[in-house]
């Protein structure tokens, strides 16, 4: 009976947790609360508008080109999350430019909270799937994928990075993950929906890679030489694996110990998530009590 209402509840919980982590990260970087929440409000409204417009344009036959269906969610409640991400980025960029604040710096702060919120929603959807006896669900694999992305972000944050590093890492990793799931679904018939599911994350992937490269201020010729050198090293290592008994033993040992490494990685991720939740709860209690 309550299953239809669990999805909105899970999404609301994921948004709440993500917003709180974003606010905590912003306050840690000494941004004023009014700037953080003004940006949040503008990005939310922009995401809501563009998410609905994207869905309207991509599913015009379902909406029947009806403005009433577009405006009122109670008539047709579909929503496009990629459109919401696009709208949030565009509206946030416009606001931050008016405030003379670096957009990529703020986007970096929001990247890990976004991934954490999506991971929380994914595991919630998986539990709902189990309750509705939908045994086969990609939500669990998405949860693990987003968890790995979050873990990488937390470890990469130990060193100072250029502005836009984590934002571009978010765009590239999440886009790759979604492209992977679209391909692994193994749809034998190439439909319009399949092309859309493949094209939209690919656009964000290309945008993330190009932005990452430009923000890092890399030199194309030097990167090309480095890539060629790494390719040669890989070929030589592969050749040595086939010709050296010691190298072959190392590869075999790595394969045998892979389940142990995987279990250890999952344990580290669980500890990291538990610690993050505990810190967030402590900060929430501190905010409620009115302490700085």
Foldseek 3Di string as FASTA:
>chain_A
DCLVVLLVVLLVVLVVQLLLQLQVLCVVVVDDNVLSVVLVVQLQVQLQLQFLVVVCVLPVVVVVVDVVVSPDCVVPVDTHNLSSVVRSLVRSVVVCVVVVHDSLQSLLSSLLSNLSSLLSSLVSVCVSCVVVVVPDDCSVVSNVQSLVLSVVSVVVVVDDDFRNQSNLSSLQSVLVVQLVVLVVVPDVDDDPVSCVSNPSSVVSNVVSVVVNCVRVVDDVVVVVVVVVVVVVVVVVLVVCCVVPPVNVVVVVVCVVCVVVVVVVVVVVSVVVVVVVVVVSVVVVVCVVVPHD
